[in-house]
Protein backbone atom coordinates (compact mmCIF):
# COMPACT_ATOMS: atom_id res chain seq x y z
CA UNK A 1 -23.01 184.81 155.41
CA UNK A 2 -25.13 188.72 154.00
CA UNK A 3 -27.42 189.70 157.22
CA UNK A 4 -30.76 191.36 156.19
CA UNK A 5 -30.61 193.48 158.77
CA UNK A 6 -33.66 195.26 159.46
CA UNK A 7 -33.71 199.29 159.47
CA UNK A 8 -33.37 199.72 163.66
CA UNK A 9 -30.83 198.81 162.79
CA UNK A 10 -29.08 200.15 159.86
CA UNK A 11 -29.83 202.77 161.53
CA UNK A 12 -27.81 202.28 164.87
CA UNK A 13 -24.23 203.98 165.42
CA UNK A 14 -21.57 202.56 168.64
CA UNK A 15 -22.05 204.99 171.34
CA UNK A 16 -19.21 207.44 170.84
CA UNK A 17 -18.13 207.51 174.53
CA UNK A 18 -17.71 203.42 174.41
CA UNK A 19 -15.64 203.33 171.13
CA UNK A 20 -13.06 206.40 173.40
CA UNK A 21 -13.67 204.29 176.63
CA UNK A 22 -11.77 201.00 173.97
CA UNK A 23 -8.76 203.04 173.22
CA UNK A 24 -8.54 204.31 177.14
CA UNK A 25 -7.77 201.40 178.77
CA UNK A 26 -3.95 201.94 178.41
CA UNK A 27 -2.93 202.00 181.77
CA UNK A 28 -0.62 204.94 180.90
CA UNK A 29 -3.70 207.35 179.44
CA UNK A 30 -4.68 209.43 181.98
CA UNK A 31 -9.05 209.45 181.21
CA UNK A 32 -11.58 211.92 182.21
CA UNK A 33 -14.21 210.01 179.58
CA UNK A 34 -16.26 207.62 181.34
CA UNK A 35 -18.88 207.87 183.16
CA UNK A 36 -17.88 205.33 185.67
CA UNK A 37 -18.27 205.37 189.74
CA UNK A 38 -15.22 204.92 191.47
CA UNK A 39 -14.19 201.47 192.18
CA UNK A 40 -12.75 202.94 195.55
CA UNK A 41 -16.50 203.50 196.01
CA UNK A 42 -17.50 199.73 195.80
CA UNK A 43 -19.44 198.00 199.09
CA UNK A 44 -16.64 195.12 198.20
CA UNK A 45 -17.41 193.25 201.44
CA UNK A 46 -21.20 194.45 202.45
CA UNK A 47 -21.41 192.58 199.14
CA UNK A 48 -19.58 189.90 200.07
CA UNK A 49 -21.54 188.90 203.67
CA UNK A 50 -25.33 190.03 201.29
CA UNK A 51 -24.12 186.85 199.22
CA UNK A 52 -23.40 184.86 201.82
CA UNK A 53 -26.32 185.46 203.91
CA UNK A 54 -28.94 185.31 200.64
CA UNK A 55 -27.48 181.58 199.77
CA UNK A 56 -27.47 180.19 203.22
CA UNK A 57 -30.80 181.67 203.90
CA UNK A 58 -33.12 181.67 200.83
CA UNK A 59 -30.58 180.50 198.16
CA UNK A 60 -33.72 179.02 196.65
CA UNK A 61 -35.68 182.01 195.81
CA UNK A 62 -32.71 183.81 194.45
CA UNK A 63 -31.96 181.53 192.02
CA UNK A 64 -35.77 181.05 190.82
CA UNK A 65 -37.01 182.48 187.96
CA UNK A 66 -38.81 185.87 189.39
CA UNK A 67 -41.65 188.38 189.17
CA UNK A 68 -41.69 190.61 186.44
CA UNK A 69 -42.28 193.41 188.46
CA UNK A 70 -39.66 193.47 190.43
CA UNK A 71 -38.74 191.11 193.90
CA UNK A 72 -41.91 192.95 196.84
CA UNK A 73 -40.12 193.67 199.88
CA UNK A 74 -36.90 195.45 197.46
CA UNK A 75 -40.06 197.54 195.36
CA UNK A 76 -41.13 198.46 199.00
CA UNK A 77 -37.77 200.21 200.33
CA UNK A 78 -37.84 202.30 197.98
CA UNK A 79 -41.75 203.26 198.04
CA UNK A 80 -41.05 204.04 201.51
CA UNK A 81 -37.11 205.81 200.35
CA UNK A 82 -39.43 207.83 197.99
CA UNK A 83 -42.30 208.87 200.34
CA UNK A 84 -39.94 210.48 202.97
CA UNK A 85 -39.89 213.71 200.23
CA UNK A 86 -43.72 213.81 200.79
CA UNK A 87 -45.64 212.20 198.22
CA UNK A 88 -46.55 209.04 198.88
CA UNK A 89 -44.92 206.22 196.21
CA UNK A 90 -46.85 202.35 196.73
CA UNK A 91 -45.63 199.18 195.89
CA UNK A 92 -47.79 198.63 193.16
CA UNK A 93 -46.00 202.01 190.89
CA UNK A 94 -42.49 200.17 191.74
CA UNK A 95 -41.04 198.50 187.93
CA UNK A 96 -37.32 196.36 188.98
CA UNK A 97 -34.59 197.15 185.91
CA UNK A 98 -31.68 196.11 184.82
CA UNK A 99 -30.33 199.13 184.56
CA UNK A 100 -32.00 202.46 184.21
CA UNK A 101 -30.73 202.38 181.29
CA UNK A 102 -33.20 199.25 180.12
CA UNK A 103 -36.12 201.55 182.06
CA UNK A 104 -35.32 204.05 178.80
CA UNK A 105 -35.60 201.52 176.14
CA UNK A 106 -38.98 200.96 177.93
CA UNK A 107 -40.30 203.51 178.39
CA UNK A 108 -39.43 204.49 175.00
CA UNK A 109 -40.84 200.76 173.24
CA UNK A 110 -44.35 201.77 175.19
CA UNK A 111 -44.34 205.95 174.44
CA UNK A 112 -42.51 206.65 171.23
CA UNK A 113 -43.88 206.06 168.10
CA UNK A 114 -42.05 207.32 164.63
CA UNK A 115 -42.30 210.75 164.31
CA UNK A 116 -43.54 211.47 168.27
CA UNK A 117 -42.36 215.05 169.84
CA UNK A 118 -39.74 213.92 171.96
CA UNK A 119 -38.70 217.16 174.45
CA UNK A 120 -34.88 217.10 175.70
CA UNK A 121 -32.52 219.08 177.28
CA UNK A 122 -29.95 220.78 175.90
CA UNK A 123 -27.44 218.52 175.35
CA UNK A 124 -28.82 215.87 177.31
CA UNK A 125 -27.50 212.42 177.78
CA UNK A 126 -26.13 210.09 175.24
CA UNK A 127 -27.70 206.68 176.69
CA UNK A 128 -31.28 208.26 176.35
CA UNK A 129 -31.07 209.38 173.02
CA UNK A 130 -29.38 206.01 172.06
CA UNK A 131 -32.98 203.85 173.01
CA UNK A 132 -35.55 206.43 172.41
CA UNK A 133 -33.74 206.99 168.48
CA UNK A 134 -34.65 203.84 167.75
CA UNK A 135 -37.77 204.25 167.85
CA UNK A 136 -37.83 207.73 165.14
CA UNK A 137 -38.81 210.06 167.84
CA UNK A 138 -38.89 213.88 166.63
CA UNK A 139 -36.71 215.81 168.99
CA UNK A 140 -37.65 219.02 170.59
CA UNK A 141 -33.67 220.68 171.35
CA UNK A 142 -34.93 223.01 174.85
CA UNK A 143 -33.51 225.91 175.50
CA UNK A 144 -31.48 225.72 178.52
CA UNK A 145 -28.23 227.91 180.91
CA UNK A 146 -25.68 226.78 182.93
CA UNK A 147 -28.58 226.68 185.53
CA UNK A 148 -30.20 223.69 183.95
CA UNK A 149 -33.31 223.68 181.42
CA UNK A 150 -35.39 226.84 180.81
CA UNK A 151 -39.13 226.49 181.86
CA UNK A 152 -40.27 230.08 180.21
CA UNK A 153 -38.95 227.91 176.91
CA UNK A 154 -42.05 224.77 176.96
CA UNK A 155 -44.41 227.63 174.85
CA UNK A 156 -47.60 225.53 173.81
CA UNK A 157 -46.18 225.09 170.65
CA UNK A 158 -42.69 223.12 172.33
CA UNK A 159 -45.54 221.81 173.96
CA UNK A 160 -48.29 220.57 172.04
CA UNK A 161 -48.31 216.65 170.92
CA UNK A 162 -45.21 215.55 172.52
CA UNK A 163 -45.45 212.15 173.85
CA UNK A 164 -42.97 213.72 176.76
CA UNK A 165 -39.72 215.30 178.98
CA UNK A 166 -36.68 214.16 179.01
CA UNK A 167 -34.16 216.08 182.04
CA UNK A 168 -32.02 215.08 184.37
CA UNK A 169 -32.48 217.25 187.00
CA UNK A 170 -29.72 216.86 189.36
CA UNK A 171 -26.02 216.44 187.86
CA UNK A 172 -27.43 216.37 184.76
CA UNK A 173 -25.17 213.51 182.66
CA UNK A 174 -23.42 215.33 180.54
CA UNK A 175 -23.22 218.99 182.09
CA UNK A 176 -23.37 218.42 185.07
CA UNK A 177 -24.97 221.33 185.91
CA UNK A 178 -28.44 221.05 188.88
CA UNK A 179 -31.89 222.90 188.25
CA UNK A 180 -32.43 225.19 190.83
CA UNK A 181 -35.92 224.64 192.92
CA UNK A 182 -37.83 227.39 191.07
CA UNK A 183 -37.40 225.80 188.28
CA UNK A 184 -38.39 222.73 189.23
CA UNK A 185 -42.37 224.19 191.03
CA UNK A 186 -41.77 225.78 187.75
CA UNK A 187 -41.68 222.40 185.62
CA UNK A 188 -44.03 221.21 188.00
CA UNK A 189 -46.91 223.54 187.61
CA UNK A 190 -46.47 223.70 183.96
CA UNK A 191 -46.86 219.61 183.55
CA UNK A 192 -49.68 219.91 185.62
CA UNK A 193 -51.32 222.89 183.38
CA UNK A 194 -50.48 221.56 180.41
CA UNK A 195 -50.92 218.02 181.46
CA UNK A 196 -47.01 217.23 179.77
CA UNK A 197 -45.95 214.37 180.94
CA UNK A 198 -42.30 214.24 182.26
CA UNK A 199 -39.48 211.28 181.94
CA UNK A 200 -37.12 212.36 185.27
CA UNK A 201 -34.13 210.60 184.61
CA UNK A 202 -32.46 210.64 188.27
CA UNK A 203 -28.58 208.84 188.35
CA UNK A 204 -26.91 211.09 190.37
CA UNK A 205 -28.90 212.38 193.29
CA UNK A 206 -27.48 211.23 195.48
CA UNK A 207 -24.19 212.34 195.05
CA UNK A 208 -24.44 216.45 196.27
CA UNK A 209 -21.91 216.86 197.98
CA UNK A 210 -23.31 218.72 201.22
CA UNK A 211 -26.07 216.32 201.42
CA UNK A 212 -28.08 218.50 200.86
CA UNK A 213 -30.87 216.95 198.04
CA UNK A 214 -33.79 219.25 196.62
CA UNK A 215 -37.28 217.99 195.44
CA UNK A 216 -38.02 215.73 193.01
CA UNK A 217 -39.79 216.32 190.03
CA UNK A 218 -41.36 213.78 190.86
CA UNK A 219 -42.79 214.76 194.66
CA UNK A 220 -43.94 218.14 192.96
CA UNK A 221 -46.39 216.75 190.20
CA UNK A 222 -47.14 212.89 190.76
CA UNK A 223 -49.28 212.14 188.11
CA UNK A 224 -47.03 213.89 185.40
CA UNK A 225 -43.61 213.01 186.28
CA UNK A 226 -41.88 209.15 185.91
CA UNK A 227 -39.06 208.48 187.53
CA UNK A 228 -36.44 206.73 187.39
CA UNK A 229 -33.50 205.81 189.82
CA UNK A 230 -30.21 203.58 189.51
CA UNK A 231 -27.59 201.57 191.61
CA UNK A 232 -25.36 201.41 190.16
CA UNK A 233 -24.03 204.41 191.41
CA UNK A 234 -24.43 204.27 194.87
CA UNK A 235 -23.64 200.70 195.18
CA UNK A 236 -21.27 199.36 192.13
CA UNK A 237 -22.49 199.60 188.02
CA UNK A 238 -21.88 195.77 187.89
CA UNK A 239 -25.66 195.15 189.65
CA UNK A 240 -27.17 195.67 186.61
CA UNK A 241 -29.98 197.67 188.84
CA UNK A 242 -32.27 200.47 188.04
CA UNK A 243 -36.53 201.12 188.53
CA UNK A 244 -39.33 203.06 187.15
CA UNK A 245 -41.52 204.27 189.17
CA UNK A 246 -44.50 205.32 187.53
CA UNK A 247 -49.19 205.51 188.49
CA UNK A 248 -50.08 201.74 187.85
CA UNK A 249 -51.56 201.94 184.23
CA UNK A 250 -48.45 203.08 182.72
CA UNK A 251 -46.10 200.57 184.92
CA UNK A 252 -47.92 197.72 184.10
CA UNK A 253 -47.49 198.68 180.70
CA UNK A 254 -44.19 198.29 181.11
CA UNK A 255 -44.28 195.36 182.44
CA UNK A 256 -45.09 193.90 179.62
CA UNK A 257 -42.60 195.73 177.15
CA UNK A 258 -39.89 194.31 180.09
CA UNK A 259 -41.43 190.43 180.03
CA UNK A 260 -40.97 190.50 176.10
CA UNK A 261 -37.70 191.94 176.56
CA UNK A 262 -35.45 189.86 179.94
CA UNK A 263 -39.10 188.15 181.40
CA UNK A 264 -37.32 189.30 185.10
CA UNK A 265 -34.03 190.88 186.54
CA UNK A 266 -31.82 188.73 187.94
CA UNK A 267 -33.70 187.35 191.04
CA UNK A 268 -30.17 186.74 192.49
CA UNK A 269 -28.96 191.09 192.31
CA UNK A 270 -32.46 192.04 193.61
CA UNK A 271 -32.25 189.50 196.71
CA UNK A 272 -29.00 190.69 198.21
CA UNK A 273 -29.16 194.75 197.29
CA UNK A 274 -32.41 194.23 198.96
CA UNK A 275 -30.44 192.16 201.83
CA UNK A 276 -27.83 195.51 202.38
CA UNK A 277 -30.08 198.58 201.84
CA UNK A 278 -32.86 197.40 203.99
CA UNK A 279 -30.06 197.23 206.58
CA UNK A 280 -30.00 201.47 206.34
CA UNK A 281 -25.97 201.33 204.95
CA UNK A 282 -26.65 203.39 202.05
CA UNK A 283 -27.24 206.12 204.89
CA UNK A 284 -23.77 205.40 205.76
CA UNK A 285 -21.16 204.08 202.51
CA UNK A 286 -23.08 207.43 200.69
CA UNK A 287 -21.23 210.64 202.72
CA UNK A 288 -18.02 208.63 202.19
CA UNK A 289 -18.80 208.36 198.26
CA UNK A 290 -19.82 212.26 198.51
CA UNK A 291 -16.58 213.27 199.77
CA UNK A 292 -13.79 211.52 197.95
CA UNK A 293 -15.87 213.04 194.56
CA UNK A 294 -16.03 216.76 195.90
CA UNK A 295 -12.20 215.78 196.27
CA UNK A 296 -11.50 215.03 193.03
CA UNK A 297 -14.50 217.67 192.02
CA UNK A 298 -11.71 220.24 193.25
CA UNK A 299 -8.60 218.42 191.38
CA UNK A 300 -9.95 219.15 188.49
CA UNK A 301 -11.57 222.87 189.21
CA UNK A 302 -8.15 224.23 191.15
CA UNK A 303 -6.06 222.41 187.92
CA UNK A 304 -8.39 223.86 185.28
CA UNK A 305 -7.87 227.06 186.80
CA UNK A 306 -4.18 227.14 186.48
CA UNK A 307 -3.72 224.67 182.91
CA UNK A 308 -6.83 226.76 180.32
CA UNK A 309 -5.29 229.08 178.53
CA UNK A 310 -7.74 232.40 178.38
CA UNK A 311 -11.58 231.82 176.43
CA UNK A 312 -11.94 228.22 177.96
CA UNK A 313 -14.92 228.21 180.82
CA UNK A 314 -16.71 225.51 182.87
CA UNK A 315 -19.55 224.96 184.99
CA UNK A 316 -18.79 224.50 189.00
CA UNK A 317 -21.23 221.48 190.06
CA UNK A 318 -22.16 221.20 192.77
CA UNK A 319 -22.17 217.48 193.14
CA UNK A 320 -22.09 214.77 190.38
CA UNK A 321 -19.67 213.46 188.72
CA UNK A 322 -19.03 215.49 186.54
CA UNK A 323 -17.64 219.43 184.23
CA UNK A 324 -18.61 220.24 181.47
CA UNK A 325 -16.21 223.07 178.91
CA UNK A 326 -16.60 225.07 176.43
CA UNK A 327 -14.71 226.19 174.96
CA UNK A 328 -13.55 229.57 171.50
CA UNK A 329 -15.36 229.31 169.42
CA UNK A 330 -13.09 228.43 166.57
CA UNK A 331 -12.38 224.95 168.44
CA UNK A 332 -13.94 221.65 168.10
CA UNK A 333 -13.53 219.17 170.17
CA UNK A 334 -13.61 215.73 168.15
CA UNK A 335 -10.51 217.06 166.04
CA UNK A 336 -8.69 217.98 169.96
CA UNK A 337 -9.49 214.62 170.39
CA UNK A 338 -7.10 212.21 168.71
CA UNK A 339 -4.16 214.48 169.17
CA UNK A 340 -5.06 215.07 173.72
CA UNK A 341 -5.17 210.55 173.44
CA UNK A 342 -1.57 211.23 171.45
CA UNK A 343 -0.55 213.51 174.55
CA UNK A 344 -2.14 210.46 176.89
CA UNK A 345 -4.76 211.80 177.35
CA UNK A 346 -8.98 212.01 176.74
CA UNK A 347 -12.30 213.45 176.92
CA UNK A 348 -15.57 213.27 175.84
CA UNK A 349 -16.49 215.27 173.29
CA UNK A 350 -20.10 218.28 173.70
CA UNK A 351 -21.65 217.69 170.32
CA UNK A 352 -22.36 213.94 170.89
CA UNK A 353 -24.53 215.12 173.34
CA UNK A 354 -26.96 217.02 171.21
CA UNK A 355 -30.65 216.19 170.27
CA UNK A 356 -30.47 219.01 167.48
CA UNK A 357 -27.43 221.86 166.62
CA UNK A 358 -24.33 220.50 168.50
CA UNK A 359 -21.97 222.08 169.85
CA UNK A 360 -18.86 221.03 168.64
CA UNK A 361 -16.12 224.10 171.03
CA UNK A 362 -17.84 221.87 173.61
CA UNK A 363 -16.20 218.00 176.00
CA UNK A 364 -16.89 216.75 179.39
CA UNK A 365 -14.80 216.23 181.58
CA UNK A 366 -14.91 212.91 184.14
CA UNK A 367 -13.16 213.26 187.35
CA UNK A 368 -14.15 210.46 190.33
CA UNK A 369 -12.17 208.26 188.92
CA UNK A 370 -8.28 210.13 188.80
CA UNK A 371 -6.77 210.15 192.06
CA UNK A 372 -5.96 213.97 192.39
CA UNK A 373 -2.36 213.88 191.05
CA UNK A 374 -2.88 212.32 187.96
CA UNK A 375 -5.82 214.82 187.47
CA UNK A 376 -3.45 217.51 187.57
CA UNK A 377 -0.72 215.43 185.40
CA UNK A 378 -4.33 215.47 182.63
CA UNK A 379 -5.44 218.66 182.92
CA UNK A 380 -1.69 220.29 182.46
CA UNK A 381 -1.61 218.64 179.42
CA UNK A 382 -5.37 219.33 177.88
CA UNK A 383 -4.38 223.01 178.35
CA UNK A 384 -1.01 222.49 177.13
CA UNK A 385 -2.91 221.34 173.39
CA UNK A 386 -6.07 223.16 173.60
CA UNK A 387 -3.58 226.91 173.75
CA UNK A 388 -1.21 225.49 170.76
CA UNK A 389 -4.45 225.41 169.25
CA UNK A 390 -5.46 228.56 169.61
CA UNK A 391 -2.25 230.23 169.26
CA UNK A 392 -2.20 228.19 165.95
CA UNK A 393 -5.90 229.63 164.40
CA UNK A 394 -4.48 233.47 166.01
CA UNK A 395 -1.69 232.81 163.69
CA UNK A 396 -3.86 231.84 161.04
CA UNK A 397 -6.90 234.77 161.62
CA UNK A 398 -6.49 237.16 158.33
CA UNK A 399 -5.08 240.32 159.99
CA UNK A 400 -8.09 243.26 159.25
């Protein structure tokens, strides 16, 4: 059968990360590729107890259709959590989604027309680019440095006509960087003064190794910011449960879009998660995640110091799951990947994370699913490979 695909479907490409993960499923490959939380952090016993209680006490509602907006008590809990930073959130401003990836899709459907200007960081989250690109925006990459987006780069000419700015202020995927408070305040002021909507994607905010959160963009500019959150990194990604916080008129439109997609996020998942979080479980659980990730981040930073050749640079994240590596300009990380996999180590090339003007000499390392001894071994293999390519580049350099 020859299917006549829509123009939109014909433009689709597979996620570079998902394709890499197919290769790295082999047990002898040391994978720094997947942006996956460590399975060691999954609260299996708490999930088991909550599931039993929900089925024993609320089976009928948990297994039935539910409201598109989401489970009322869980929306109330989320609203209360986000009201603690000084900006009140009403339950009517909360929409439960099937993972925060669905939230990106709903926002794209509601706000992007072909040719719409969308502002993104440099680089930015690949999954957001996939969600937005279906609707054919005109991307404008906003200048960023090792600390994140530069507010001064958002000139009136850049902002003019933009549907929104997409930003990940906390331990960004892919770079692991966190936007300083001074830049958050400058960005919030600019958003208010210029009427710039901001989509604040925040799946990693709780993963600060010191447990010190910075003010959210939403708390600094409530009318301008659409806030996205997720339970994937603090409970388990298989739950596929995220949420959007925004003003009621936008939430109402997103609900209409969601109804056309899946009617509502699974009732059973929402009931189980509410049972867990309403008892204060996250206050006990998240510090353990932070400690594990801090240990593994430290192990990778130490291994990079020992094994990477001169000319290779990386950041030192204060939280999250990623380290961003910049190679000498002569190297292309995509070309290195095939050889790395043959050496039984994997990473994600940096180029797919750029909306425009990709930098081929960058790559992302994720450390949270790998034990320290394996981190050491994998970084040593990768460092040796990079050093070999640098030597080959030097050997072919013309003598002046």
